Protein backbone atom coordinates (compact mmCIF):
# COMPACT_ATOMS: atom_id res chain seq x y z
CA MET A 1 -0.01 0.00 0.00
CA TYR A 2 2.79 2.39 0.77
CA TRP A 3 4.25 2.21 -2.69
CA ILE A 4 0.94 3.62 -4.09
CA TYR A 5 1.23 6.59 -1.77
CA ALA A 6 4.86 7.07 -2.85
CA THR A 7 3.89 6.98 -6.54
CA LEU A 8 1.17 9.48 -6.02
CA PHE A 9 3.53 11.77 -4.15
CA LEU A 10 6.16 11.62 -6.87
CA LEU A 11 3.52 12.27 -9.60
CA ALA A 12 2.24 15.30 -7.62
CA VAL A 13 5.83 16.64 -7.13
CA ALA A 14 6.70 15.93 -10.84
CA ALA A 15 3.46 17.61 -12.20
CA PRO A 16 5.04 21.24 -12.54
CA GLU A 17 7.86 19.79 -14.38
CA THR A 18 5.83 17.50 -16.60
CA ILE A 19 2.99 19.80 -17.67
CA ARG A 20 4.22 22.43 -20.08
CA GLY A 21 1.85 25.01 -21.67
CA SER A 22 -1.87 24.66 -21.56
CA LEU A 23 -3.66 21.41 -21.20
CA PHE A 24 -7.21 20.61 -22.26
CA GLY A 25 -7.63 24.39 -22.74
CA LEU A 26 -6.59 25.11 -19.17
CA PRO A 27 -3.63 27.45 -18.37
CA GLU A 28 -0.35 25.64 -17.26
CA GLU A 29 -0.70 26.75 -13.59
CA MET A 30 -4.28 25.60 -13.35
CA ALA A 31 -3.62 22.34 -15.12
CA GLU A 32 -0.75 21.71 -12.62
CA THR A 33 -3.01 22.47 -9.67
CA LEU A 34 -5.71 20.24 -10.96
CA PHE A 35 -3.30 17.32 -11.38
CA ILE A 36 -1.95 17.80 -7.87
CA PHE A 37 -5.41 17.99 -6.57
CA LEU A 38 -6.46 14.80 -8.34
CA PHE A 39 -3.38 12.91 -6.98
CA GLY A 40 -4.13 14.12 -3.45
CA ALA A 41 -7.85 13.23 -3.83
CA VAL A 42 -6.83 9.70 -4.99
CA GLY A 43 -4.56 9.48 -1.98
CA PHE A 44 -7.29 10.60 0.35
CA LEU A 45 -9.77 8.07 -1.07
CA LEU A 46 -7.31 5.30 -0.73
CA THR A 47 -6.54 6.25 2.92
CA PHE A 48 -10.32 6.47 3.56
CA ALA A 49 -10.94 3.11 2.01
CA LYS A 50 -8.05 1.57 4.04
CA GLU A 51 -9.33 3.00 7.32
CA LYS A 52 -12.80 1.64 6.64
CA ALA A 53 -11.38 -1.76 5.95
CA ILE A 54 -9.34 -1.58 9.24
CA LEU A 55 -12.44 -0.48 11.14
CA ARG A 56 -14.46 -3.28 9.64
CA HIS A 57 -11.73 -5.70 10.58
CA VAL A 58 -11.60 -4.40 14.08
CA ARG A 59 -15.39 -4.67 14.37
CA GLU A 60 -15.33 -8.31 13.13
CA LYS A 61 -12.58 -9.12 15.50
CA MET A 62 -14.54 -7.61 18.41
CA THR A 63 -17.58 -9.65 17.33
CA LEU A 64 -15.54 -12.79 17.05
CA GLN A 65 -14.08 -12.10 20.59
CA ARG A 66 -17.64 -11.71 22.02
CA GLU A 67 -18.78 -14.78 20.42
CA LYS A 68 -15.66 -16.56 21.77
CA THR A 69 -16.46 -15.28 25.22
CA ASP A 70 -20.03 -16.37 24.92
CA ILE A 71 -19.06 -19.86 23.76
CA THR A 72 -16.56 -20.18 26.53
CA LYS A 73 -19.16 -19.08 29.02
CA ASP A 74 -21.65 -21.61 27.64
CA LEU A 75 -19.06 -24.32 27.75
CA SER A 76 -18.33 -23.47 31.35
CA GLU A 77 -21.93 -23.57 32.35
CA SER A 78 -22.38 -26.80 30.32
CA TYR A 79 -19.59 -28.48 32.10
CA SER A 80 -20.84 -27.26 35.41
CA TYR A 81 -24.36 -28.59 34.58
CA ILE A 82 -22.97 -31.94 33.44
CA GLY A 83 -20.80 -32.13 36.69
CA ALA A 84 -23.79 -31.28 38.92
CA THR A 85 -26.07 -33.78 37.00
CA ASN A 86 -23.41 -36.49 37.40
CA ARG A 87 -23.22 -35.70 41.03
CA LYS A 88 -26.93 -36.09 41.41
CA LEU A 89 -27.04 -39.31 39.46
CA GLU A 90 -24.25 -40.67 41.70
CA LEU A 91 -26.22 -39.63 44.77
CA LEU A 92 -29.37 -41.29 43.45
CA LEU A 93 -27.47 -44.37 42.65
CA ASN A 94 -25.88 -44.47 46.17
CA ILE A 95 -29.33 -44.07 47.70
CA VAL A 96 -30.71 -47.03 45.74
CA LEU A 97 -27.71 -49.22 46.47
CA SER A 98 -27.56 -48.30 50.12
CA LEU A 99 -31.17 -49.29 50.97
CA PRO A 100 -30.36 -53.13 51.09
CA ILE A 101 -27.31 -52.37 53.30
CA SER A 102 -29.41 -50.19 55.68
CA LEU A 103 -32.13 -52.91 55.83
CA SER A 104 -29.51 -55.44 56.81
CA ALA A 105 -28.05 -53.05 59.41
CA PHE A 106 -31.63 -52.53 60.92
CA ARG A 107 -32.17 -56.36 61.14
CA ARG A 108 -28.80 -56.55 63.07
CA GLY A 109 -29.94 -53.69 65.24
CA GLU A 110 -27.33 -51.37 63.94
CA THR A 111 -29.44 -48.25 63.57
CA GLY A 112 -26.52 -45.82 63.71
CA LYS A 113 -24.77 -47.70 60.84
CA ALA A 114 -27.99 -47.67 58.82
CA PHE A 115 -28.29 -43.91 58.94
CA SER A 116 -24.51 -43.22 58.54
CA GLY A 117 -24.72 -43.20 54.75
CA PHE A 118 -27.76 -41.00 54.80
CA SER A 119 -26.02 -38.47 57.11
CA LYS A 120 -22.96 -38.34 54.83
CA ALA A 121 -25.16 -37.66 51.81
CA VAL A 122 -27.01 -34.87 53.63
CA LYS A 123 -23.74 -33.18 54.64
CA LEU A 124 -22.30 -33.52 51.08
CA PHE A 125 -25.18 -32.28 49.11
CA GLY A 126 -26.40 -29.84 51.73
CA ARG A 127 -22.95 -28.45 52.01
CA SER A 128 -23.29 -28.25 55.71
CA ASP A 129 -21.76 -30.23 58.62
CA SER A 130 -24.74 -29.13 60.80
CA PHE A 131 -28.30 -30.32 60.30
CA VAL A 132 -31.19 -31.98 62.05
CA PHE A 133 -33.51 -34.55 60.55
CA ARG A 134 -36.83 -35.18 62.20
CA VAL A 135 -39.70 -37.52 61.45
CA VAL A 136 -43.14 -36.57 62.72
CA ASP A 137 -46.13 -38.79 63.12
CA THR A 138 -49.10 -36.78 61.74
CA GLY A 139 -51.59 -38.65 63.85
CA SER A 140 -49.97 -38.19 67.30
CA ARG A 141 -48.20 -35.01 66.14
CA LYS A 142 -44.97 -36.10 67.75
CA VAL A 143 -41.41 -36.55 66.70
CA VAL A 144 -40.71 -40.20 66.32
CA HIS A 145 -37.15 -40.06 65.06
CA GLU A 146 -34.33 -37.62 65.03
CA THR A 147 -30.90 -37.66 63.51
CA ARG A 148 -28.63 -34.58 64.31
CA SER A 149 -25.26 -33.46 63.37
CA GLY A 150 -23.82 -30.35 64.96
CA MET A 151 -25.69 -27.73 66.85
CA HIS A 152 -27.70 -24.60 66.05
CA ARG A 153 -29.64 -22.44 68.55
CA ALA A 154 -32.92 -22.67 66.46
CA TYR A 155 -32.97 -26.51 66.28
CA ALA A 156 -34.85 -26.88 69.49
CA SER A 157 -37.68 -24.59 68.40
CA PHE A 158 -38.55 -26.76 65.46
CA ASP A 159 -40.82 -29.15 67.28
CA ALA A 160 -43.63 -31.36 65.73
CA GLU A 161 -46.22 -28.59 65.85
CA ARG A 162 -43.97 -26.02 64.13
CA LEU A 163 -42.84 -28.42 61.54
CA LEU A 164 -46.33 -29.49 60.62
CA ALA A 165 -47.51 -25.86 60.57
CA SER A 166 -46.72 -25.55 56.86
CA ASP A 167 -47.07 -27.97 53.99
CA ARG A 168 -44.52 -26.03 51.84
CA GLY A 169 -41.74 -28.22 50.32
CA ILE A 170 -39.07 -25.69 51.28
CA ARG A 171 -39.29 -22.66 53.55
CA GLU A 172 -37.03 -20.35 55.51
CA GLU A 173 -37.58 -19.77 59.17
CA GLU A 174 -35.44 -18.43 61.97
CA ASP A 175 -32.18 -18.33 59.99
CA CYS A 176 -32.82 -21.94 58.97
CA LEU A 177 -33.90 -23.79 55.75
CA VAL A 178 -36.66 -26.30 56.36
CA VAL A 179 -37.13 -29.05 53.75
CA ARG A 180 -40.21 -31.25 53.97
CA SER A 181 -40.58 -34.73 52.31
CA PRO A 182 -43.04 -34.57 49.35
CA SER A 183 -45.12 -37.36 50.57
CA GLU A 184 -46.03 -39.24 53.82
CA GLU A 185 -45.26 -42.86 54.62
CA ASP A 186 -47.52 -44.72 57.15
CA GLY A 187 -48.52 -41.40 58.65
CA LEU A 188 -44.99 -40.17 58.86
CA VAL A 189 -43.54 -37.04 57.25
CA ALA A 190 -39.82 -36.03 57.34
CA PHE A 191 -38.09 -32.74 57.66
CA LEU A 192 -34.47 -31.61 57.12
CA VAL A 193 -33.39 -28.42 58.89
CA PHE A 194 -30.16 -26.62 57.90
CA PRO A 195 -28.60 -23.37 59.17
CA LYS A 196 -29.35 -20.88 56.24
CA SER A 197 -26.08 -19.12 56.77
CA VAL A 198 -24.07 -22.23 55.60
CA ASN A 199 -26.63 -23.66 53.13
CA SER A 200 -28.24 -22.21 49.91
CA ILE A 201 -31.07 -23.67 48.01
CA GLU A 202 -28.93 -25.27 45.16
CA ASP A 203 -31.50 -27.85 44.07
CA GLU A 204 -34.85 -28.18 45.86
CA HIS A 205 -35.60 -31.53 44.27
CA MET A 206 -32.51 -33.19 45.57
CA LEU A 207 -32.96 -31.91 48.97
CA LYS A 208 -36.53 -33.35 48.96
CA VAL A 209 -35.05 -36.64 47.72
CA LEU A 210 -32.78 -36.73 50.70
CA ALA A 211 -35.70 -36.02 53.04
CA THR A 212 -37.65 -38.89 51.31
CA GLU A 213 -34.65 -41.23 51.72
CA GLY A 214 -34.54 -40.60 55.52
CA LEU A 215 -38.27 -41.10 55.68
CA LEU A 216 -38.00 -44.52 53.97
CA LEU A 217 -35.26 -45.47 56.38
CA VAL A 218 -37.42 -44.69 59.38
CA ALA A 219 -40.42 -46.52 57.75
CA PHE A 220 -38.15 -49.59 57.16
CA ARG A 221 -36.88 -49.52 60.83
CA ARG A 222 -40.49 -49.30 62.01
CA ALA A 223 -41.64 -52.18 59.79
CA ILE A 224 -38.80 -54.37 60.92
CA SER A 225 -39.33 -53.55 64.61
CA SER A 226 -43.04 -54.33 64.12
CA GLY A 227 -42.19 -57.66 62.55
CA ARG A 228 -40.18 -58.58 65.70
CA GLY A 229 -43.22 -57.76 67.91
CA ASP A 230 -41.85 -54.35 68.94
CA ASP A 231 -43.75 -51.14 68.99
CA GLY A 232 -41.15 -49.46 66.66
CA LYS A 233 -39.93 -46.95 69.14
């Protein structure tokens, strides 16, 4: 591109020496001025065209950069979603596989061992080392089972009446997150309570799955105890 500008410059400089006498009916000085103007105009148009091309290139580059950023963001979100989905599937698989082990532990009277896997899953997915799991009998309106990890000043206030006061799947009360099992089992309903300060609602459905798993474990224990002639308490 620079050689074109150099050629135009040389032609403009040489115009006074090249043009002799009148040209196309124009006096010599006017003809020289016209040629110099034409060479300058051509140079200006070439510069303008070049700048437009550069500006278009910059805009295209910025567009591609934005598209690249959007694609990178989408990929990152996709990887995060896939990772979260795999974690959920793994948790569901562990729940299914752990049920027979829990049943065997109940039959041997090892209640703590039967609930150990459940507690680990709650801590892992709930992202909290502190929680309380309570199962309430809707008939007698009493807590028939409790599994607790850690302490929180509000746990004591969540008695059977307060837990049953709302049928919402997930609610926030007194700096705590309360998760209710979607259904009842033999008149029992389960609740998970987390400190809200260390737990966020990442996936309501999975929290409800955990509450349901705990409810099934309590129902299994009651059924096994009843089969032995015990009252299940």
